């Protein structure tokens, strides 16, 4: 039954996009180490996409470097001679330092080699954001254009939000666009909502623990744009019993239960799976018609609703997209850093609710192949990868950089033995974190 419940097309779309995005980020990140190492005369023994314990899917030696494809899609690496890394090649480190080795290079060169991957990932993100703005522009939904207000789900109604309300400000800061709602709400320790209800403003103070619940539910169960059900198109497999639906019909009831808005229709139809139902529709804006259909196993009728929202779209020239992409990327980095900070300072933001493994990352691609979404997510992950790698943790680029900066300031280089132990500690910490994140995802899956 579990296998039958899986949406396989969405699963494979997510897996394919994750592998492609991850491959792009890893290869470019490792190039950020590879090229500076070559420029400064270091020998690079290996360049691998994905890890290759015991065997490689493909490998070829060109010059002094072995290029290969591993079988564990959790990263990649370049093995630079004379550098203490995840390979833990102690035999090489016990030999006298050679001129072509990383450890024999000046500290400033080693620092550039180590932070090269982070720099490439950050620049890549800015380039991708600029490209996205140039190709697709920026489309946003103004709150003022939500003619029918918001649909309040269970979490929203529990704190006093009602169907038809419009959120106009969060913590007294005006909310101009619906797209800004998640970040404006979630990146807070506590929040209050200014609500426009029937032309009058009211303030709702969100109770303690509410933002934590939103995080756990990944913003589901709060609010969404409310809109009437006007049929835009129909699938070919609608199972009619009597009458027929037409483009432009407005569904107003299901089995005599009023469903003037889409979210109400979705709630009611869950009761009727693989069942004959009667839809009451308004045709031509005046005629009421009954249409009987049999729903699918998921309760679907087989229509696609019309998009009634008027969005604002801004187009960018190539020259305009560059500074706009840089600004957008920097803002996203600030949001991410602020979110990380809240994990350590806020009771509302807990690590177990925000941490995820490759399973969580894969879901963010949306289950269908959409190039705009794909490049947007790739850019976001590139920023995250850059930030995470620059953290001063042994085994990460930031840890190596920290020891090198210490050497440049004090003139004392940490011993190879110290670096070996630091690398081992860092690897244990990272592997433990990965296992914990994967366990959380498995728990969420069954929950």
Protein backbone atom coordinates (compact mmCIF):
# COMPACT_ATOMS: atom_id res chain seq x y z
CA UNK A 1 0.00 0.00 0.00
CA UNK A 2 2.88 2.34 0.78
CA UNK A 3 4.33 1.83 -2.72
CA UNK A 4 0.95 2.57 -4.29
CA UNK A 5 0.69 5.81 -2.32
CA UNK A 6 3.99 7.13 -3.65
CA UNK A 7 3.83 9.68 -6.46
CA UNK A 8 6.60 8.13 -8.50
CA UNK A 9 6.76 10.80 -11.20
CA UNK A 10 7.21 13.51 -8.55
CA UNK A 11 9.77 11.37 -6.72
CA UNK A 12 11.91 10.82 -9.82
CA UNK A 13 11.62 14.50 -10.80
CA UNK A 14 12.89 15.49 -7.34
CA UNK A 15 15.72 12.93 -7.43
CA UNK A 16 16.82 13.99 -10.91
CA UNK A 17 16.83 17.69 -10.06
CA UNK A 18 18.60 17.11 -6.76
CA UNK A 19 21.39 15.09 -8.38
CA UNK A 20 21.82 17.63 -11.21
CA UNK A 21 21.85 20.66 -8.88
CA UNK A 22 24.12 18.95 -6.38
CA UNK A 23 26.52 17.88 -9.14
CA UNK A 24 26.77 21.44 -10.47
CA UNK A 25 27.43 22.85 -7.00
CA UNK A 26 29.97 20.20 -6.02
CA UNK A 27 31.95 20.32 -9.28
CA UNK A 28 32.17 24.13 -9.23
CA UNK A 29 32.99 24.16 -5.51
CA UNK A 30 35.84 21.72 -6.03
CA UNK A 31 37.06 23.71 -9.04
CA UNK A 32 37.34 26.62 -6.62
CA UNK A 33 40.00 24.57 -4.82
CA UNK A 34 41.47 22.88 -7.90
CA UNK A 35 42.44 25.89 -10.00
CA UNK A 36 44.13 27.96 -7.24
CA UNK A 37 46.03 24.81 -6.21
CA UNK A 38 47.29 24.37 -9.77
CA UNK A 39 48.11 28.08 -10.12
CA UNK A 40 50.27 27.94 -7.01
CA UNK A 41 52.10 24.81 -8.17
CA UNK A 42 50.39 22.18 -6.00
CA UNK A 43 49.98 18.65 -7.32
CA UNK A 44 46.34 17.59 -7.39
CA UNK A 45 46.10 13.80 -7.15
CA UNK A 46 42.31 13.37 -7.50
CA UNK A 47 39.21 15.29 -8.59
CA UNK A 48 35.97 13.43 -7.80
CA UNK A 49 32.29 14.10 -8.10
CA UNK A 50 30.63 12.08 -5.30
CA UNK A 51 32.55 9.89 -2.89
CA UNK A 52 34.09 6.59 -3.99
CA UNK A 53 34.72 4.26 -1.03
CA UNK A 54 36.09 0.90 -2.29
CA UNK A 55 35.39 1.58 -5.96
CA UNK A 56 34.56 4.25 -8.56
CA UNK A 57 31.84 4.26 -11.20
CA UNK A 58 34.29 5.88 -13.61
CA UNK A 59 37.83 7.20 -13.44
CA UNK A 60 40.52 8.41 -15.83
CA UNK A 61 43.97 9.81 -15.19
CA UNK A 62 44.91 12.89 -17.15
CA UNK A 63 48.37 14.19 -16.42
CA UNK A 64 49.01 13.94 -12.68
CA UNK A 65 45.31 14.04 -11.71
CA UNK A 66 42.82 11.18 -11.56
CA UNK A 67 39.32 12.37 -12.46
CA UNK A 68 36.44 10.18 -11.34
CA UNK A 69 32.79 9.64 -10.49
CA UNK A 70 31.95 8.08 -7.14
CA UNK A 71 28.82 6.17 -6.20
CA UNK A 72 27.84 7.93 -2.94
CA UNK A 73 26.07 11.20 -3.96
CA UNK A 74 26.84 13.13 -0.78
CA UNK A 75 29.57 15.45 -2.01
CA UNK A 76 32.86 15.38 -3.85
CA UNK A 77 36.51 16.21 -3.28
CA UNK A 78 39.88 17.20 -4.67
CA UNK A 79 42.90 15.49 -3.11
CA UNK A 80 45.74 17.99 -3.01
CA UNK A 81 49.16 16.57 -2.23
CA UNK A 82 50.33 17.47 1.25
CA UNK A 83 46.95 18.59 2.57
CA UNK A 84 45.28 16.94 5.55
CA UNK A 85 41.77 16.19 4.33
CA UNK A 86 39.07 13.53 4.54
CA UNK A 87 41.40 10.95 2.92
CA UNK A 88 43.56 11.03 6.11
CA UNK A 89 46.63 10.04 4.08
CA UNK A 90 49.03 9.78 7.04
CA UNK A 91 51.71 7.99 5.03
CA UNK A 92 52.19 10.99 2.76
CA UNK A 93 52.18 13.39 5.71
CA UNK A 94 54.96 11.41 7.43
CA UNK A 95 57.28 12.08 4.50
CA UNK A 96 59.36 15.28 4.19
CA UNK A 97 57.41 18.15 2.60
CA UNK A 98 57.90 18.48 -1.14
CA UNK A 99 57.86 21.77 -3.11
CA UNK A 100 54.69 20.67 -4.98
CA UNK A 101 52.78 19.97 -1.75
CA UNK A 102 50.12 22.14 -0.19
CA UNK A 103 51.90 22.24 3.19
CA UNK A 104 55.04 23.74 1.64
CA UNK A 105 53.20 26.76 0.22
CA UNK A 106 53.02 30.19 1.93
CA UNK A 107 50.08 30.69 4.27
CA UNK A 108 48.38 33.26 2.03
CA UNK A 109 48.38 30.83 -0.90
CA UNK A 110 46.99 28.03 1.27
CA UNK A 111 44.25 30.37 2.49
CA UNK A 112 43.21 31.23 -1.09
CA UNK A 113 43.14 27.53 -2.02
CA UNK A 114 40.98 26.68 0.99
CA UNK A 115 38.38 29.43 0.60
CA UNK A 116 38.23 29.12 -3.19
CA UNK A 117 35.25 26.74 -3.10
CA UNK A 118 33.24 29.04 -0.86
CA UNK A 119 33.99 32.06 -3.06
CA UNK A 120 32.92 30.16 -6.19
CA UNK A 121 29.64 29.03 -4.57
CA UNK A 122 28.77 32.55 -3.47
CA UNK A 123 29.59 34.08 -6.86
CA UNK A 124 27.65 31.27 -8.57
CA UNK A 125 24.56 32.10 -6.52
CA UNK A 126 24.74 35.77 -7.49
CA UNK A 127 25.21 34.87 -11.17
CA UNK A 128 22.24 32.50 -11.06
CA UNK A 129 19.98 35.05 -9.39
CA UNK A 130 20.95 37.62 -12.02
CA UNK A 131 20.26 35.09 -14.78
CA UNK A 132 16.85 34.21 -13.29
CA UNK A 133 15.84 37.88 -13.12
CA UNK A 134 17.05 38.49 -16.70
CA UNK A 135 15.27 35.43 -18.18
CA UNK A 136 12.07 35.26 -16.12
CA UNK A 137 11.86 38.60 -14.36
CA UNK A 138 10.34 38.96 -10.91
CA UNK A 139 6.66 38.21 -10.35
CA UNK A 140 4.99 39.07 -7.05
CA UNK A 141 1.46 39.08 -5.73
CA UNK A 142 0.49 42.36 -3.98
CA UNK A 143 -1.59 41.87 -0.84
CA UNK A 144 -3.95 44.59 -2.10
CA UNK A 145 -4.77 42.38 -5.11
CA UNK A 146 -6.11 39.57 -2.92
CA UNK A 147 -9.68 40.61 -3.67
CA UNK A 148 -11.19 37.74 -1.70
CA UNK A 149 -8.77 37.94 1.22
CA UNK A 150 -7.00 34.94 2.70
CA UNK A 151 -8.19 31.42 3.40
CA UNK A 152 -7.49 30.60 7.04
CA UNK A 153 -6.45 27.03 7.84
CA UNK A 154 -6.47 25.33 11.25
CA UNK A 155 -3.37 27.01 12.72
CA UNK A 156 -4.63 30.42 11.64
CA UNK A 157 -8.17 29.99 12.98
CA UNK A 158 -6.76 28.82 16.32
CA UNK A 159 -5.16 32.25 16.85
CA UNK A 160 -8.17 34.24 15.63
CA UNK A 161 -7.54 34.68 11.89
CA UNK A 162 -10.72 34.29 9.82
CA UNK A 163 -11.51 33.53 6.20
CA UNK A 164 -11.45 36.74 4.20
CA UNK A 165 -8.97 38.51 6.49
CA UNK A 166 -6.01 40.31 4.95
CA UNK A 167 -2.65 40.53 6.72
CA UNK A 168 -1.38 44.07 6.14
CA UNK A 169 1.58 44.18 8.55
CA UNK A 170 3.79 41.95 10.69
CA UNK A 171 5.30 43.49 13.82
CA UNK A 172 4.01 46.86 12.57
CA UNK A 173 6.05 46.52 9.36
CA UNK A 174 3.79 46.79 6.27
CA UNK A 175 3.43 43.59 4.25
CA UNK A 176 3.12 44.71 0.66
CA UNK A 177 3.46 41.32 -1.09
CA UNK A 178 2.12 37.88 -0.28
CA UNK A 179 5.47 36.39 -1.38
CA UNK A 180 7.17 38.12 1.58
CA UNK A 181 4.85 36.55 4.17
CA UNK A 182 6.94 33.43 5.04
CA UNK A 183 10.21 35.26 5.72
CA UNK A 184 8.52 38.22 7.42
CA UNK A 185 6.70 35.86 9.78
CA UNK A 186 9.22 33.10 10.40
CA UNK A 187 12.35 35.17 10.99
CA UNK A 188 11.10 36.39 14.34
CA UNK A 189 11.15 35.36 17.98
CA UNK A 190 7.54 36.50 18.31
CA UNK A 191 5.13 38.35 16.07
CA UNK A 192 1.87 40.23 15.89
CA UNK A 193 -0.33 40.48 12.82
CA UNK A 194 -2.20 43.57 11.70
CA UNK A 195 -5.38 42.27 10.08
CA UNK A 196 -7.79 44.11 7.83
CA UNK A 197 -11.20 42.57 8.44
CA UNK A 198 -14.21 43.98 6.64
CA UNK A 199 -12.46 47.31 6.22
CA UNK A 200 -11.33 47.61 9.84
CA UNK A 201 -7.91 46.92 11.32
CA UNK A 202 -7.32 44.60 14.24
CA UNK A 203 -4.13 43.25 15.80
CA UNK A 204 -3.55 39.59 16.65
CA UNK A 205 -0.65 38.75 18.97
CA UNK A 206 0.61 35.28 18.10
CA UNK A 207 0.97 33.14 21.25
CA UNK A 208 4.20 31.58 22.43
CA UNK A 209 4.98 28.42 20.52
CA UNK A 210 3.03 29.43 17.41
CA UNK A 211 6.04 30.10 15.17
CA UNK A 212 7.49 26.79 16.36
CA UNK A 213 4.32 25.02 15.18
CA UNK A 214 4.55 26.76 11.82
CA UNK A 215 8.14 25.57 11.49
CA UNK A 216 7.18 22.00 12.32
CA UNK A 217 4.42 22.12 9.71
CA UNK A 218 6.67 23.89 7.15
CA UNK A 219 4.13 26.76 6.98
CA UNK A 220 1.29 24.39 6.10
CA UNK A 221 -2.01 24.92 7.88
CA UNK A 222 -1.73 28.70 8.11
CA UNK A 223 -3.10 30.89 5.31
CA UNK A 224 -3.33 30.87 1.52
CA UNK A 225 -4.92 33.19 -1.05
CA UNK A 226 -8.69 32.74 -1.18
CA UNK A 227 -10.34 32.52 -4.59
CA UNK A 228 -13.56 31.30 -6.21
CA UNK A 229 -13.58 28.08 -8.27
CA UNK A 230 -13.80 29.13 -11.90
CA UNK A 231 -12.92 26.33 -14.30
CA UNK A 232 -10.06 27.20 -16.62
CA UNK A 233 -9.63 23.78 -18.28
CA UNK A 234 -10.66 20.16 -17.92
CA UNK A 235 -8.75 16.89 -18.14
CA UNK A 236 -9.83 14.30 -20.69
CA UNK A 237 -10.73 11.66 -18.12
CA UNK A 238 -13.54 13.39 -16.20
CA UNK A 239 -16.01 10.59 -15.31
CA UNK A 240 -19.37 12.21 -16.09
CA UNK A 241 -22.64 10.70 -14.93
CA UNK A 242 -24.95 13.47 -16.10
CA UNK A 243 -24.35 16.90 -17.59
CA UNK A 244 -20.94 18.34 -18.45
CA UNK A 245 -18.63 20.97 -17.02
CA UNK A 246 -17.55 23.86 -19.24
CA UNK A 247 -14.72 26.33 -19.20
CA UNK A 248 -15.83 29.38 -17.23
CA UNK A 249 -18.22 27.47 -14.96
CA UNK A 250 -18.06 28.50 -11.31
CA UNK A 251 -18.53 25.69 -8.80
CA UNK A 252 -20.56 26.91 -5.83
CA UNK A 253 -21.58 23.67 -4.06
CA UNK A 254 -20.70 19.97 -3.79
CA UNK A 255 -23.50 17.58 -2.76
CA UNK A 256 -25.48 20.60 -1.55
CA UNK A 257 -22.64 21.74 0.70
CA UNK A 258 -21.74 25.36 -0.20
CA UNK A 259 -18.19 25.65 -1.54
CA UNK A 260 -17.88 29.20 -2.89
CA UNK A 261 -14.09 29.15 -2.52
CA UNK A 262 -11.47 26.64 -3.59
CA UNK A 263 -10.15 25.82 -0.10
CA UNK A 264 -13.68 24.96 1.05
CA UNK A 265 -14.18 22.71 -1.96
CA UNK A 266 -10.90 20.91 -1.18
CA UNK A 267 -12.03 20.19 2.40
CA UNK A 268 -15.44 18.86 1.37
CA UNK A 269 -14.23 16.66 -1.49
CA UNK A 270 -11.97 14.66 0.86
CA UNK A 271 -15.14 12.95 2.10
CA UNK A 272 -15.95 11.66 -1.39
CA UNK A 273 -13.34 9.42 -3.00
CA UNK A 274 -14.32 7.13 -5.89
CA UNK A 275 -17.86 8.33 -5.28
CA UNK A 276 -20.59 9.92 -7.44
CA UNK A 277 -21.05 13.57 -6.49
CA UNK A 278 -23.22 16.42 -7.71
CA UNK A 279 -21.64 19.77 -8.45
CA UNK A 280 -23.73 22.91 -8.50
CA UNK A 281 -22.22 25.36 -10.98
CA UNK A 282 -22.96 28.90 -12.01
CA UNK A 283 -22.84 29.19 -15.80
CA UNK A 284 -22.62 32.44 -17.75
CA UNK A 285 -22.81 34.25 -14.43
CA UNK A 286 -26.55 33.61 -14.07
CA UNK A 287 -27.67 30.03 -14.81
CA UNK A 288 -27.44 27.35 -12.10
CA UNK A 289 -26.67 23.87 -13.45
CA UNK A 290 -26.19 20.49 -11.75
CA UNK A 291 -23.43 18.22 -13.04
CA UNK A 292 -22.88 14.70 -11.66
CA UNK A 293 -19.44 13.08 -11.83
CA UNK A 294 -17.60 10.21 -10.19
CA UNK A 295 -14.47 11.30 -8.31
CA UNK A 296 -11.13 9.52 -8.53
CA UNK A 297 -9.46 7.53 -5.75
CA UNK A 298 -7.95 10.79 -4.46
CA UNK A 299 -11.24 12.69 -4.63
CA UNK A 300 -10.28 14.62 -7.76
CA UNK A 301 -12.92 15.72 -10.25
CA UNK A 302 -10.58 16.59 -13.11
CA UNK A 303 -10.68 20.37 -13.54
CA UNK A 304 -8.05 23.08 -13.30
CA UNK A 305 -9.10 26.37 -11.62
CA UNK A 306 -8.54 29.74 -13.23
CA UNK A 307 -5.86 32.00 -11.81
CA UNK A 308 -7.81 35.09 -10.77
CA UNK A 309 -4.89 36.94 -9.19
CA UNK A 310 -3.35 40.02 -10.76
CA UNK A 311 0.38 39.87 -10.13
CA UNK A 312 3.07 42.48 -10.66
CA UNK A 313 5.88 41.41 -12.97
CA UNK A 314 9.10 43.34 -13.33
CA UNK A 315 11.32 42.69 -16.33
CA UNK A 316 15.09 43.25 -16.14
CA UNK A 317 17.55 44.14 -18.89
CA UNK A 318 20.88 42.33 -18.78
CA UNK A 319 22.54 45.38 -17.22
CA UNK A 320 19.76 45.76 -14.62
CA UNK A 321 19.78 42.07 -13.70
CA UNK A 322 23.39 42.12 -12.45
CA UNK A 323 23.03 44.55 -9.50
CA UNK A 324 19.50 43.22 -8.83
CA UNK A 325 20.82 39.64 -8.70
CA UNK A 326 23.64 40.64 -6.35
CA UNK A 327 21.20 42.46 -4.06
CA UNK A 328 18.80 39.52 -4.09
CA UNK A 329 21.57 37.04 -3.27
CA UNK A 330 22.94 39.16 -0.42
CA UNK A 331 19.42 39.49 1.03
CA UNK A 332 18.95 35.71 0.91
CA UNK A 333 22.28 35.21 2.66
CA UNK A 334 21.25 37.67 5.39
CA UNK A 335 17.94 35.82 5.84
CA UNK A 336 19.74 32.48 6.12
CA UNK A 337 22.28 33.80 8.63
CA UNK A 338 19.47 35.37 10.66
CA UNK A 339 17.61 32.05 10.63
CA UNK A 340 20.72 30.20 11.83
CA UNK A 341 21.14 32.75 14.60
CA UNK A 342 17.58 32.19 15.78
CA UNK A 343 18.34 28.49 16.27
CA UNK A 344 20.65 29.49 19.10
CA UNK A 345 18.71 32.42 20.55
CA UNK A 346 15.02 31.62 20.13
CA UNK A 347 12.75 29.11 21.82
CA UNK A 348 10.55 29.20 18.72
CA UNK A 349 13.24 27.86 16.38
CA UNK A 350 14.54 24.41 17.22
CA UNK A 351 17.27 22.52 15.40
CA UNK A 352 15.17 19.36 15.11
CA UNK A 353 12.42 21.28 13.30
CA UNK A 354 14.74 23.03 10.85
CA UNK A 355 17.36 20.37 10.14
CA UNK A 356 16.95 18.04 7.18
CA UNK A 357 18.93 15.62 5.05
CA UNK A 358 18.92 14.97 1.30
CA UNK A 359 15.30 13.81 1.66
CA UNK A 360 14.17 17.27 2.76
CA UNK A 361 16.35 18.98 0.18
CA UNK A 362 14.91 16.84 -2.62
CA UNK A 363 11.33 17.79 -1.74
CA UNK A 364 12.02 21.48 -2.25
CA UNK A 365 12.14 21.01 -6.03
CA UNK A 366 8.36 20.66 -6.10
CA UNK A 367 7.84 17.29 -7.80
CA UNK A 368 7.87 18.57 -11.38
CA UNK A 369 10.54 19.83 -13.73
CA UNK A 370 10.39 23.60 -13.70
CA UNK A 371 13.59 25.29 -14.85
CA UNK A 372 12.91 28.57 -13.05
CA UNK A 373 12.33 26.76 -9.77
CA UNK A 374 15.32 24.47 -10.42
CA UNK A 375 17.79 27.34 -10.90
CA UNK A 376 16.27 29.28 -7.98
CA UNK A 377 16.74 26.32 -5.64
CA UNK A 378 20.24 25.70 -7.01
CA UNK A 379 21.17 29.32 -6.30
CA UNK A 380 19.76 29.11 -2.76
CA UNK A 381 21.62 25.87 -2.07
CA UNK A 382 24.81 27.44 -3.42
CA UNK A 383 24.51 30.22 -0.84
CA UNK A 384 23.81 27.70 1.91
CA UNK A 385 26.77 25.55 0.83
CA UNK A 386 29.04 28.60 0.86
CA UNK A 387 27.93 29.68 4.33
CA UNK A 388 28.09 26.19 5.85
CA UNK A 389 31.55 25.55 4.44
CA UNK A 390 33.00 28.78 5.79
CA UNK A 391 31.96 27.94 9.37
CA UNK A 392 35.06 27.53 11.57
CA UNK A 393 34.57 23.79 12.06
CA UNK A 394 37.47 21.35 11.58
CA UNK A 395 37.05 19.29 8.38
CA UNK A 396 35.26 22.22 6.70
CA UNK A 397 36.96 24.88 4.58
CA UNK A 398 36.31 27.41 7.33
CA UNK A 399 38.12 25.29 9.89
CA UNK A 400 41.22 25.00 7.70
CA UNK A 401 41.04 28.73 6.97
CA UNK A 402 40.80 29.55 10.69
CA UNK A 403 44.00 27.63 11.48
CA UNK A 404 45.77 29.33 8.57
CA UNK A 405 44.66 32.79 9.69
CA UNK A 406 45.92 31.93 13.19
CA UNK A 407 49.26 31.00 11.64
CA UNK A 408 49.40 34.26 9.66
CA UNK A 409 48.70 36.33 12.79
CA UNK A 410 50.93 34.50 15.26
CA UNK A 411 53.61 33.17 12.94
CA UNK A 412 53.15 29.70 14.48
CA UNK A 413 51.88 26.87 12.29
CA UNK A 414 49.76 24.16 13.96
CA UNK A 415 51.51 20.79 13.88
CA UNK A 416 50.47 18.12 11.39
CA UNK A 417 49.46 15.88 14.32
CA UNK A 418 47.16 18.59 15.68
CA UNK A 419 45.63 19.05 12.20
CA UNK A 420 45.06 15.29 11.91
CA UNK A 421 43.21 15.18 15.22
CA UNK A 422 41.21 18.30 14.36
CA UNK A 423 40.24 16.76 11.02
CA UNK A 424 39.07 13.56 12.71
CA UNK A 425 37.01 15.46 15.29
CA UNK A 426 35.42 17.57 12.57
CA UNK A 427 34.57 14.53 10.45
CA UNK A 428 32.95 12.78 13.42
CA UNK A 429 30.86 15.89 14.15
CA UNK A 430 29.76 16.24 10.51
CA UNK A 431 28.94 12.55 10.08
CA UNK A 432 26.97 12.58 13.34
CA UNK A 433 25.02 15.62 12.14
CA UNK A 434 24.28 13.93 8.80
CA UNK A 435 23.03 10.77 10.52
CA UNK A 436 20.88 12.86 12.90
CA UNK A 437 19.40 14.84 9.99
CA UNK A 438 18.65 11.66 8.05
CA UNK A 439 17.02 10.14 11.14
CA UNK A 440 14.81 13.21 11.54
CA UNK A 441 13.66 12.91 7.93
CA UNK A 442 12.83 9.22 8.36
CA UNK A 443 10.87 10.05 11.52
CA UNK A 444 8.96 12.80 9.70
CA UNK A 445 8.22 10.42 6.82
CA UNK A 446 6.55 7.86 9.07
CA UNK A 447 4.93 10.54 11.23
